[in-house]
Structure formats: structure tokens, C-alpha cells
Amino acid sequence: MNRKDDGTIILSLTISWKKIEAGYEKEIAKIVDNAELPGFRKGKAPRKDVEAKLNKAEIYGEAVREILPEEYEKLIKEHDLKPVMYPRVEIKKAEVGQDWEFEISTCEAPKIDLPKDSKGKTPEDLVKTVEVIIPQMLAEEEANYRLGALSENLTKVGLNFDTFLQSKKMTVEDYKAQTITEAKNDLKLRFLSDSLKALV
């Protein structure tokens, strides 16, 4: 496990080939049970005929999607983590016949050391004096959510995102950077507010 300065947590995960192969077999069995090929009743076609028509990479992908959540949960428990967002998963190595390697990124809520005289203060007061480091990936996720909601709302009123940006005289990159900054500030207030509630 590697914890970055901004609180992002990088986990390495290896899934044995044996487990991946077992997952693949399970997926194939499900497909064969539901396969309909000319000359055979549903679920009665020979496995080799069904498998010949499949994209093996997709089946391995499906098998891994089934295995990953359980393996991720084990890692979380092993390192006693309390993630506040869905993990980002990157495949580092995926070869038939060998163990597969993944890099998983996540983060926890920032640890906040409130001063002794914090009771009665507002999060807005505290944000000026208390350091709250928001993981970049958490700010990006919040910004992406906001951008998605904005795009949806613009579509509802018959506008598009490019027209909106032109009215603001901004590029996509500028607006995304501004949204990330706003998301970081709002997240700081939210986490400070949660810390204050815990004092009560």
C-alpha cells in the first residue's frame, strides 16, 4: 500500500491465474446453459461450438469483474481502510496462464485535527485556519459529477456545453480546473462540518 501526500491510496492486487481460470469456467458454464445454436435446444449445444463463437477476452473481463469486488474488500480489511469513493482499477498485467496484476486507487476522508476551541465555530470560520487536504481523485470525481449534472441541465433547456463555455469565455480545461477547485473547497467545508458534528 502506498499513501500519497494528498491522501490518495494506491493498492497493488494480484489475482492468481487459478482463480481467473475458475472465474472464466464459471462464465462459460453460464453462457453454455443459455446458448441457442441451430440444431440444438437451448442449453444443449456442445461447449466447444458455443465457445468458438465467443470473444475470450470479453469472458475473461467478465470473470475478473466478478472476482475483483471480493478481492478489493479483502484488501480494504487487511489494511483497515474506510474508502469514501469507488475505486479506480488499472490493469497492470493480464496474460493467459499467468497471475494478473492490478493497481487500485482510492482514498479515505481526510484526517482533520480541530483546535481545542473549535466548538461553536462554523466550518467557514475553520476553513481559514485548519488544514484540510482533499485527495485530488476525490475532487476530480466530485467535479465530474457536477459537470455531468450541468451538461444534463443544459440539454434540458436546449443548450449545449460549447455554447455555455463560449458565454463564460472559457475553455473546457479552464472550466474543469475551476470546477475541481470549487469541489475541493466544498469538500473541505463538508469534512470540517462532519468533524464539528462529531464533537457534539
Protein backbone atom coordinates (compact mmCIF):
# COMPACT_ATOMS: atom_id res chain seq x y z
CA MET A 1 0.00 0.00 0.00
CA ASN A 2 1.21 3.47 -0.89
CA ARG A 3 -0.42 6.58 0.62
CA LYS A 4 0.31 9.80 -1.29
CA ASP A 5 0.70 13.22 0.34
CA ASP A 6 -2.80 14.26 -0.75
CA GLY A 7 -4.35 11.16 0.86
CA THR A 8 -4.76 9.08 -2.31
CA ILE A 9 -4.19 5.40 -1.54
CA ILE A 10 -2.62 3.09 -4.13
CA LEU A 11 -3.11 -0.64 -3.59
CA SER A 12 -1.47 -3.44 -5.53
CA LEU A 13 -3.56 -6.53 -6.13
CA THR A 14 -2.55 -9.84 -7.69
CA ILE A 15 -5.20 -12.37 -8.66
CA SER A 16 -3.93 -15.87 -9.25
CA TRP A 17 -4.35 -17.44 -12.66
CA LYS A 18 -6.08 -20.37 -10.97
CA LYS A 19 -8.80 -18.02 -9.64
CA ILE A 20 -9.17 -16.26 -13.00
CA GLU A 21 -9.42 -19.58 -14.82
CA ALA A 22 -12.09 -20.75 -12.37
CA GLY A 23 -13.99 -17.49 -12.97
CA TYR A 24 -13.69 -17.98 -16.73
CA GLU A 25 -15.07 -21.54 -16.43
CA LYS A 26 -17.99 -20.25 -14.37
CA GLU A 27 -18.82 -17.61 -17.01
CA ILE A 28 -18.55 -20.15 -19.84
CA ALA A 29 -20.88 -22.55 -17.98
CA LYS A 30 -23.50 -19.76 -17.66
CA ILE A 31 -23.24 -18.94 -21.36
CA VAL A 32 -23.44 -22.60 -22.45
CA ASP A 33 -26.53 -23.12 -20.25
CA ASN A 34 -28.30 -20.31 -22.10
CA ALA A 35 -26.83 -20.74 -25.58
CA GLU A 36 -29.10 -21.31 -28.56
CA LEU A 37 -27.38 -22.75 -31.65
CA PRO A 38 -29.07 -24.10 -34.78
CA GLY A 39 -29.83 -27.81 -34.38
CA PHE A 40 -29.70 -27.76 -30.58
CA ARG A 41 -32.23 -26.98 -27.89
CA LYS A 42 -31.43 -24.07 -25.54
CA GLY A 43 -28.58 -25.06 -23.25
CA LYS A 44 -27.84 -28.31 -25.11
CA ALA A 45 -25.24 -27.08 -27.63
CA PRO A 46 -21.73 -28.55 -27.18
CA ARG A 47 -19.43 -26.28 -25.21
CA LYS A 48 -16.74 -26.25 -27.93
CA ASP A 49 -19.29 -24.97 -30.50
CA VAL A 50 -20.53 -22.24 -28.15
CA GLU A 51 -17.02 -21.24 -27.04
CA ALA A 52 -15.85 -20.99 -30.67
CA LYS A 53 -18.31 -18.14 -31.22
CA LEU A 54 -17.26 -16.18 -28.10
CA ASN A 55 -14.74 -13.41 -27.60
CA LYS A 56 -12.48 -14.94 -24.91
CA ALA A 57 -11.11 -11.54 -23.84
CA GLU A 58 -14.66 -10.40 -23.00
CA ILE A 59 -15.29 -13.58 -20.99
CA TYR A 60 -12.06 -13.10 -19.03
CA GLY A 61 -13.09 -9.48 -18.45
CA GLU A 62 -16.46 -10.58 -17.11
CA ALA A 63 -14.79 -13.16 -14.86
CA VAL A 64 -12.47 -10.51 -13.42
CA ARG A 65 -15.41 -8.11 -12.85
CA GLU A 66 -16.98 -10.85 -10.73
CA ILE A 67 -13.76 -11.56 -8.78
CA LEU A 68 -12.48 -8.00 -8.20
CA PRO A 69 -15.06 -6.72 -5.64
CA GLU A 70 -14.37 -9.60 -3.26
CA GLU A 71 -10.59 -9.26 -3.63
CA TYR A 72 -10.85 -5.49 -3.13
CA GLU A 73 -12.88 -6.00 0.06
CA LYS A 74 -10.16 -8.31 1.40
CA LEU A 75 -7.51 -5.63 0.72
CA ILE A 76 -9.60 -2.98 2.44
CA LYS A 77 -10.00 -5.15 5.54
CA GLU A 78 -6.33 -6.17 5.53
CA HIS A 79 -5.21 -2.51 5.57
CA ASP A 80 -8.12 -1.36 7.79
CA LEU A 81 -9.24 1.30 5.28
CA LYS A 82 -12.50 3.24 5.09
CA PRO A 83 -12.76 4.45 1.47
CA VAL A 84 -15.09 7.34 0.66
CA MET A 85 -15.35 6.67 -3.07
CA TYR A 86 -15.49 3.87 -5.60
CA PRO A 87 -12.02 2.62 -6.51
CA ARG A 88 -10.31 3.22 -9.83
CA VAL A 89 -8.83 0.00 -11.18
CA GLU A 90 -5.97 -0.20 -13.66
CA ILE A 91 -4.80 -3.49 -15.17
CA LYS A 92 -1.01 -3.73 -14.96
CA LYS A 93 -0.59 -7.26 -16.28
CA ALA A 94 -3.13 -9.64 -17.83
CA GLU A 95 -1.72 -12.62 -19.66
CA VAL A 96 -3.32 -16.01 -20.18
CA GLY A 97 -1.68 -18.62 -17.97
CA GLN A 98 -0.16 -16.07 -15.53
CA ASP A 99 -1.33 -14.21 -12.43
CA TRP A 100 -2.99 -10.87 -13.20
CA GLU A 101 -1.83 -7.64 -11.55
CA PHE A 102 -3.92 -4.57 -10.79
CA GLU A 103 -3.36 -1.13 -9.31
CA ILE A 104 -6.31 0.20 -7.33
CA SER A 105 -6.63 3.86 -6.36
CA THR A 106 -8.99 5.09 -3.66
CA CYS A 107 -8.99 7.48 -0.70
CA GLU A 108 -10.33 7.96 2.80
CA ALA A 109 -11.84 11.06 4.36
CA PRO A 110 -9.05 13.47 5.30
CA LYS A 111 -7.90 13.36 8.91
CA ILE A 112 -8.68 16.73 10.50
CA ASP A 113 -7.09 17.98 13.70
CA LEU A 114 -9.52 20.53 15.06
CA PRO A 115 -8.20 23.11 17.54
CA LYS A 116 -9.49 22.83 21.13
CA ASP A 117 -11.56 25.99 20.74
CA SER A 118 -13.50 24.65 17.69
CA LYS A 119 -16.85 24.17 19.44
CA GLY A 120 -19.31 26.81 18.35
CA LYS A 121 -17.30 27.79 15.25
CA THR A 122 -18.64 27.31 11.74
CA PRO A 123 -16.87 25.29 9.04
CA GLU A 124 -16.45 28.58 7.12
CA ASP A 125 -14.52 30.03 10.11
CA LEU A 126 -12.37 26.93 10.47
CA VAL A 127 -11.52 26.52 6.78
CA LYS A 128 -9.26 29.60 7.08
CA THR A 129 -7.22 28.15 9.94
CA VAL A 130 -7.45 24.35 9.75
CA GLU A 131 -5.53 22.47 7.08
CA VAL A 132 -7.72 20.03 5.17
CA ILE A 133 -6.02 18.14 2.36
CA ILE A 134 -8.52 16.83 -0.17
CA PRO A 135 -7.30 13.91 -2.32
CA GLN A 136 -7.09 15.02 -5.96
CA MET A 137 -9.01 11.98 -7.18
CA LEU A 138 -11.91 12.76 -4.83
CA ALA A 139 -12.03 16.39 -6.06
CA GLU A 140 -11.94 15.14 -9.68
CA GLU A 141 -14.78 12.70 -9.04
CA GLU A 142 -16.91 15.43 -7.46
CA ALA A 143 -16.07 17.79 -10.35
CA ASN A 144 -17.01 15.14 -12.94
CA TYR A 145 -20.33 14.61 -11.16
CA ARG A 146 -21.00 18.36 -11.25
CA LEU A 147 -20.01 18.65 -14.92
CA GLY A 148 -22.30 15.74 -15.80
CA ALA A 149 -25.21 17.35 -13.94
CA LEU A 150 -24.52 20.70 -15.65
CA SER A 151 -24.42 19.06 -19.08
CA GLU A 152 -27.72 17.29 -18.39
CA ASN A 153 -29.36 20.53 -17.22
CA LEU A 154 -28.08 22.44 -20.26
CA THR A 155 -29.54 19.77 -22.56
CA LYS A 156 -32.92 20.07 -20.81
CA VAL A 157 -33.07 23.79 -21.65
CA GLY A 158 -31.85 23.27 -25.22
CA LEU A 159 -28.27 24.47 -24.82
CA ASN A 160 -25.02 22.65 -25.36
CA PHE A 161 -21.83 22.70 -23.33
CA ASP A 162 -19.80 24.53 -26.03
CA THR A 163 -22.30 27.41 -26.14
CA PHE A 164 -22.22 27.59 -22.34
CA LEU A 165 -18.41 27.76 -22.34
CA GLN A 166 -18.42 30.48 -25.02
CA SER A 167 -20.76 32.56 -22.85
CA LYS A 168 -18.27 32.19 -19.98
CA LYS A 169 -15.29 32.87 -22.31
CA MET A 170 -13.61 29.70 -21.02
CA THR A 171 -12.08 26.54 -22.46
CA VAL A 172 -13.11 23.07 -21.32
CA GLU A 173 -9.80 22.76 -19.44
CA ASP A 174 -10.27 26.12 -17.68
CA TYR A 175 -13.83 25.28 -16.64
CA LYS A 176 -12.86 21.81 -15.43
CA ALA A 177 -9.95 23.27 -13.39
CA GLN A 178 -12.33 25.85 -11.87
CA THR A 179 -14.86 23.11 -11.06
CA ILE A 180 -12.16 20.98 -9.39
CA THR A 181 -11.10 23.97 -7.26
CA GLU A 182 -14.72 24.64 -6.26
CA ALA A 183 -15.22 20.94 -5.49
CA LYS A 184 -12.11 20.93 -3.26
CA ASN A 185 -13.36 23.95 -1.33
CA ASP A 186 -16.84 22.47 -0.90
CA LEU A 187 -15.39 19.13 0.20
CA LYS A 188 -13.22 20.92 2.78
CA LEU A 189 -16.33 22.57 4.22
CA ARG A 190 -18.21 19.26 4.20
CA PHE A 191 -15.45 17.36 6.02
CA LEU A 192 -14.99 20.19 8.53
CA SER A 193 -18.73 20.22 9.16
CA ASP A 194 -18.69 16.45 9.73
CA SER A 195 -15.78 16.83 12.17
CA LEU A 196 -17.64 19.52 14.09
CA LYS A 197 -20.76 17.32 14.31
CA ALA A 198 -18.60 14.57 15.78
CA LEU A 199 -17.62 16.96 18.60
CA VAL A 200 -21.23 17.39 19.70
